Structure formats: C-alpha cells, structure tokens
Amino acid sequence: MGGPSELVSRTHSGYLGSTVCVQITSNPYGDATAIALGQGVCLESTLARVSDIRPGKLFTTHDSLFLRVVARMRSDKLAYVRQAVIALIQIGRLPVTEP
C-alpha cells in the first residue's frame, strides 16, 4: 500500500484474511465527505502529517500486506468512521454529528 489506511472490517467468511479499508491521505482533495484526523484522535502515536479519512474511498487487501501499525484511533472516532461508511452506502451522505 502506498499510504496509511484505516481498518474498517475484517471479513471472516468467504474471504479469509481480507480486510476492508478506507483511504487516509494528507492531500487536500476537497472531498466533502472527508473526516479530519486532528490532534488527540490517535492513541499511542500520531500521524506524520495532518490527514483526512475518505470514507467514500474503500478498498480490500489481504492481511499479509499490513507491515506495521502507524497509530491507533480512539474508539469513538473509529465508530464514527464506520458509521460514515455505512451512511454513504445507504443514504449517500455522512451522519450529522462527529465526535
């Protein structure tokens, strides 16, 4: 993978060892659905640059491609990202409130 990604879901049936991820980028694309990763969002470590999560940019990858953990996100922010992905798929927009 070329950059960081956020684990959204591990699948345990049909595609063993696969993970659904969302894009995390430091490039400002002007994505209206981007979720900012500000200070205090990551636990244990921080990202090298101010970054955004793009819940509309999903991809799958095999677990063997993950080399290391760069940072861990707070559980409330991770839950919001998961809700955002679901909302984009179901209704085409993000949930109203963000933690």
N, C-alpha and C. Protein backbone atom coordinates (compact mmCIF):
# COMPACT_ATOMS: atom_id res chain seq x y z
N MET A 1 0.83 -1.18 0.00
CA MET A 1 0.00 0.00 0.00
C MET A 1 0.88 1.24 0.00
N GLY A 2 0.43 2.26 -0.69
CA GLY A 2 1.21 3.47 -0.81
C GLY A 2 1.11 4.39 0.39
N GLY A 3 0.08 4.31 1.17
CA GLY A 3 -0.09 5.20 2.31
C GLY A 3 -0.88 4.52 3.40
N PRO A 4 -1.13 5.24 4.50
CA PRO A 4 -1.88 4.63 5.59
C PRO A 4 -3.32 4.35 5.19
N SER A 5 -3.89 3.41 5.83
CA SER A 5 -5.31 3.13 5.65
C SER A 5 -5.89 2.77 6.99
N GLU A 6 -7.18 2.85 7.09
CA GLU A 6 -7.85 2.55 8.34
C GLU A 6 -8.66 1.28 8.20
N LEU A 7 -8.47 0.38 9.12
CA LEU A 7 -9.22 -0.86 9.14
C LEU A 7 -10.68 -0.55 9.40
N VAL A 8 -11.55 -1.01 8.55
CA VAL A 8 -12.97 -0.83 8.74
C VAL A 8 -13.59 -2.14 9.20
N SER A 9 -13.22 -3.24 8.59
CA SER A 9 -13.83 -4.52 8.94
C SER A 9 -12.96 -5.67 8.47
N ARG A 10 -12.83 -6.66 9.31
CA ARG A 10 -12.17 -7.89 8.88
C ARG A 10 -13.28 -8.87 8.51
N THR A 11 -13.12 -9.52 7.39
CA THR A 11 -14.12 -10.50 6.97
C THR A 11 -13.67 -11.89 7.38
N HIS A 12 -14.60 -12.66 7.88
CA HIS A 12 -14.25 -13.98 8.38
C HIS A 12 -15.00 -15.11 7.65
N SER A 13 -15.72 -14.78 6.62
CA SER A 13 -16.37 -15.84 5.86
C SER A 13 -16.23 -15.55 4.38
N GLY A 14 -15.77 -16.50 3.64
CA GLY A 14 -15.65 -16.33 2.20
C GLY A 14 -14.29 -15.79 1.77
N TYR A 15 -13.81 -14.75 2.41
CA TYR A 15 -12.55 -14.13 2.04
C TYR A 15 -11.63 -14.07 3.26
N LEU A 16 -11.27 -15.22 3.77
CA LEU A 16 -10.44 -15.26 4.97
C LEU A 16 -9.16 -14.48 4.77
N GLY A 17 -8.83 -13.70 5.77
CA GLY A 17 -7.61 -12.92 5.71
C GLY A 17 -7.73 -11.62 4.95
N SER A 18 -8.95 -11.23 4.56
CA SER A 18 -9.16 -9.97 3.85
C SER A 18 -9.63 -8.89 4.80
N THR A 19 -9.29 -7.64 4.47
CA THR A 19 -9.67 -6.51 5.29
C THR A 19 -10.22 -5.41 4.39
N VAL A 20 -11.31 -4.78 4.82
CA VAL A 20 -11.87 -3.63 4.12
C VAL A 20 -11.26 -2.39 4.77
N CYS A 21 -10.71 -1.50 3.94
CA CYS A 21 -10.01 -0.30 4.43
C CYS A 21 -10.59 0.95 3.79
N VAL A 22 -10.34 2.09 4.43
CA VAL A 22 -10.65 3.39 3.83
C VAL A 22 -9.36 4.16 3.65
N GLN A 23 -9.35 5.06 2.71
CA GLN A 23 -8.15 5.84 2.43
C GLN A 23 -7.93 6.90 3.51
N ILE A 24 -6.68 7.05 3.93
CA ILE A 24 -6.24 8.16 4.76
C ILE A 24 -5.20 8.90 3.94
N THR A 25 -5.40 10.21 3.80
CA THR A 25 -4.50 10.98 2.95
C THR A 25 -4.18 12.33 3.57
N SER A 26 -3.00 12.84 3.26
CA SER A 26 -2.64 14.19 3.67
C SER A 26 -2.84 15.17 2.52
N ASN A 27 -3.29 14.68 1.37
CA ASN A 27 -3.55 15.54 0.21
C ASN A 27 -4.95 16.14 0.31
N PRO A 28 -5.08 17.45 0.22
CA PRO A 28 -6.39 18.08 0.29
C PRO A 28 -7.14 17.96 -1.04
N TYR A 29 -8.01 16.99 -1.14
CA TYR A 29 -8.77 16.76 -2.38
C TYR A 29 -10.04 17.60 -2.46
N GLY A 30 -10.42 18.27 -1.39
CA GLY A 30 -11.68 18.99 -1.39
C GLY A 30 -12.86 18.03 -1.30
N ASP A 31 -12.65 16.87 -0.70
CA ASP A 31 -13.67 15.85 -0.55
C ASP A 31 -14.64 16.27 0.55
N ALA A 32 -15.90 16.52 0.19
CA ALA A 32 -16.90 16.97 1.16
C ALA A 32 -17.19 15.92 2.23
N THR A 33 -16.86 14.67 1.96
CA THR A 33 -17.12 13.61 2.93
C THR A 33 -15.90 13.28 3.79
N ALA A 34 -14.79 13.98 3.59
CA ALA A 34 -13.57 13.70 4.35
C ALA A 34 -13.77 13.97 5.83
N ILE A 35 -13.16 13.14 6.65
CA ILE A 35 -13.22 13.27 8.10
C ILE A 35 -11.82 13.61 8.59
N ALA A 36 -11.69 14.76 9.25
CA ALA A 36 -10.38 15.24 9.70
C ALA A 36 -9.82 14.38 10.82
N LEU A 37 -8.54 14.12 10.74
CA LEU A 37 -7.81 13.46 11.82
C LEU A 37 -7.00 14.51 12.55
N GLY A 38 -7.61 15.16 13.52
CA GLY A 38 -6.95 16.22 14.25
C GLY A 38 -6.12 15.68 15.41
N GLN A 39 -5.55 16.59 16.16
CA GLN A 39 -4.77 16.22 17.33
C GLN A 39 -5.66 15.51 18.35
N GLY A 40 -5.12 14.52 19.00
CA GLY A 40 -5.85 13.81 20.04
C GLY A 40 -6.75 12.70 19.54
N VAL A 41 -6.79 12.48 18.24
CA VAL A 41 -7.64 11.42 17.68
C VAL A 41 -6.93 10.07 17.76
N CYS A 42 -5.62 10.09 17.59
CA CYS A 42 -4.85 8.85 17.61
C CYS A 42 -4.32 8.56 19.01
N LEU A 43 -4.31 7.30 19.37
CA LEU A 43 -3.74 6.84 20.62
C LEU A 43 -2.35 6.28 20.35
N GLU A 44 -1.49 6.29 21.34
CA GLU A 44 -0.17 5.67 21.30
C GLU A 44 0.83 6.37 20.38
N SER A 45 0.37 7.04 19.35
CA SER A 45 1.25 7.66 18.38
C SER A 45 0.48 8.71 17.61
N THR A 46 1.11 9.36 16.66
CA THR A 46 0.44 10.33 15.80
C THR A 46 0.87 10.10 14.36
N LEU A 47 0.08 10.62 13.44
CA LEU A 47 0.46 10.58 12.04
C LEU A 47 1.47 11.69 11.77
N ALA A 48 2.32 11.49 10.80
CA ALA A 48 3.37 12.46 10.49
C ALA A 48 2.82 13.78 9.97
N ARG A 49 1.64 13.74 9.35
CA ARG A 49 1.04 14.93 8.75
C ARG A 49 -0.43 15.01 9.13
N VAL A 50 -0.98 16.21 9.07
CA VAL A 50 -2.42 16.39 9.22
C VAL A 50 -3.07 15.61 8.08
N SER A 51 -4.06 14.81 8.41
CA SER A 51 -4.63 13.92 7.40
C SER A 51 -6.15 13.88 7.48
N ASP A 52 -6.75 13.35 6.43
CA ASP A 52 -8.20 13.15 6.36
C ASP A 52 -8.48 11.69 6.01
N ILE A 53 -9.57 11.19 6.58
CA ILE A 53 -10.09 9.87 6.20
C ILE A 53 -11.13 10.12 5.12
N ARG A 54 -11.10 9.34 4.06
CA ARG A 54 -12.07 9.48 2.97
C ARG A 54 -12.97 8.24 2.96
N PRO A 55 -14.11 8.30 3.67
CA PRO A 55 -14.96 7.12 3.81
C PRO A 55 -15.57 6.63 2.50
N GLY A 56 -15.54 7.42 1.47
CA GLY A 56 -16.03 7.01 0.16
C GLY A 56 -15.00 6.26 -0.67
N LYS A 57 -13.78 6.18 -0.16
CA LYS A 57 -12.69 5.50 -0.88
C LYS A 57 -12.37 4.19 -0.17
N LEU A 58 -13.09 3.15 -0.50
CA LEU A 58 -12.92 1.84 0.10
C LEU A 58 -12.08 0.94 -0.79
N PHE A 59 -11.35 0.04 -0.15
CA PHE A 59 -10.62 -0.99 -0.90
C PHE A 59 -10.41 -2.18 0.02
N THR A 60 -10.13 -3.32 -0.57
CA THR A 60 -9.83 -4.51 0.21
C THR A 60 -8.39 -4.92 -0.03
N THR A 61 -7.83 -5.57 0.96
CA THR A 61 -6.47 -6.06 0.84
C THR A 61 -6.31 -7.29 1.73
N HIS A 62 -5.32 -8.09 1.42
CA HIS A 62 -5.04 -9.27 2.23
C HIS A 62 -4.26 -8.84 3.46
N ASP A 63 -4.55 -9.47 4.59
CA ASP A 63 -3.91 -9.10 5.86
C ASP A 63 -2.39 -9.20 5.81
N SER A 64 -1.85 -10.04 4.97
CA SER A 64 -0.40 -10.21 4.90
C SER A 64 0.32 -8.96 4.37
N LEU A 65 -0.43 -8.03 3.76
CA LEU A 65 0.18 -6.82 3.22
C LEU A 65 0.40 -5.74 4.28
N PHE A 66 -0.21 -5.89 5.46
CA PHE A 66 -0.01 -4.94 6.54
C PHE A 66 1.32 -5.23 7.21
N LEU A 67 2.20 -4.25 7.23
CA LEU A 67 3.53 -4.43 7.78
C LEU A 67 3.64 -3.99 9.24
N ARG A 68 2.93 -2.90 9.58
CA ARG A 68 3.02 -2.38 10.94
C ARG A 68 1.83 -1.46 11.23
N VAL A 69 1.65 -1.15 12.49
CA VAL A 69 0.63 -0.19 12.91
C VAL A 69 1.32 1.15 13.09
N VAL A 70 0.82 2.17 12.41
CA VAL A 70 1.40 3.50 12.50
C VAL A 70 0.84 4.23 13.72
N ALA A 71 -0.46 4.14 13.91
CA ALA A 71 -1.15 4.78 15.04
C ALA A 71 -2.49 4.08 15.22
N ARG A 72 -3.04 4.22 16.40
CA ARG A 72 -4.38 3.67 16.67
C ARG A 72 -5.33 4.83 16.95
N MET A 73 -6.52 4.72 16.37
CA MET A 73 -7.52 5.77 16.53
C MET A 73 -8.37 5.50 17.76
N ARG A 74 -8.82 6.58 18.40
CA ARG A 74 -9.75 6.45 19.52
C ARG A 74 -10.98 5.66 19.07
N SER A 75 -11.55 4.89 19.95
CA SER A 75 -12.67 4.02 19.58
C SER A 75 -13.90 4.81 19.14
N ASP A 76 -14.16 6.00 19.73
CA ASP A 76 -15.33 6.77 19.32
C ASP A 76 -15.16 7.31 17.90
N LYS A 77 -13.95 7.72 17.53
CA LYS A 77 -13.69 8.21 16.17
C LYS A 77 -13.78 7.06 15.17
N LEU A 78 -13.25 5.89 15.52
CA LEU A 78 -13.33 4.73 14.65
C LEU A 78 -14.79 4.33 14.43
N ALA A 79 -15.60 4.37 15.48
CA ALA A 79 -17.03 4.06 15.34
C ALA A 79 -17.70 5.06 14.40
N TYR A 80 -17.32 6.34 14.49
CA TYR A 80 -17.88 7.35 13.59
C TYR A 80 -17.49 7.07 12.14
N VAL A 81 -16.25 6.69 11.91
CA VAL A 81 -15.79 6.36 10.55
C VAL A 81 -16.61 5.20 10.00
N ARG A 82 -16.80 4.18 10.80
CA ARG A 82 -17.62 3.03 10.35
C ARG A 82 -19.04 3.47 10.02
N GLN A 83 -19.63 4.31 10.88
CA GLN A 83 -20.98 4.82 10.61
C GLN A 83 -21.01 5.66 9.34
N ALA A 84 -19.95 6.42 9.11
CA ALA A 84 -19.88 7.26 7.91
C ALA A 84 -19.85 6.41 6.64
N VAL A 85 -19.08 5.33 6.65
CA VAL A 85 -19.02 4.42 5.50
C VAL A 85 -20.40 3.83 5.24
N ILE A 86 -21.06 3.37 6.28
CA ILE A 86 -22.39 2.78 6.13
C ILE A 86 -23.38 3.82 5.61
N ALA A 87 -23.34 5.03 6.18
CA ALA A 87 -24.25 6.09 5.75
C ALA A 87 -24.03 6.46 4.29
N LEU A 88 -22.79 6.55 3.86
CA LEU A 88 -22.51 6.87 2.46
C LEU A 88 -23.08 5.81 1.52
N ILE A 89 -22.98 4.56 1.93
CA ILE A 89 -23.51 3.48 1.10
C ILE A 89 -25.04 3.47 1.12
N GLN A 90 -25.63 3.65 2.30
CA GLN A 90 -27.08 3.56 2.42
C GLN A 90 -27.83 4.79 1.94
N ILE A 91 -27.35 6.00 2.33
CA ILE A 91 -28.12 7.20 2.03
C ILE A 91 -27.36 8.27 1.24
N GLY A 92 -26.09 8.01 0.97
CA GLY A 92 -25.31 8.92 0.15
C GLY A 92 -24.78 10.16 0.85
N ARG A 93 -24.81 10.19 2.19
CA ARG A 93 -24.26 11.34 2.91
C ARG A 93 -23.77 10.88 4.27
N LEU A 94 -22.98 11.74 4.92
CA LEU A 94 -22.43 11.41 6.22
C LEU A 94 -23.44 11.62 7.34
N PRO A 95 -23.25 10.93 8.48
CA PRO A 95 -24.07 11.23 9.65
C PRO A 95 -23.85 12.69 10.06
N VAL A 96 -24.79 13.25 10.77
CA VAL A 96 -24.75 14.67 11.09
C VAL A 96 -23.68 15.02 12.12
N THR A 97 -23.56 14.28 13.18
CA THR A 97 -22.64 14.66 14.26
C THR A 97 -21.37 13.83 14.23
N GLU A 98 -20.27 14.49 14.56
CA GLU A 98 -18.98 13.82 14.61
C GLU A 98 -18.41 13.98 16.01
N PRO A 99 -17.81 12.91 16.56
CA PRO A 99 -17.24 13.01 17.91
C PRO A 99 -16.03 13.94 17.94
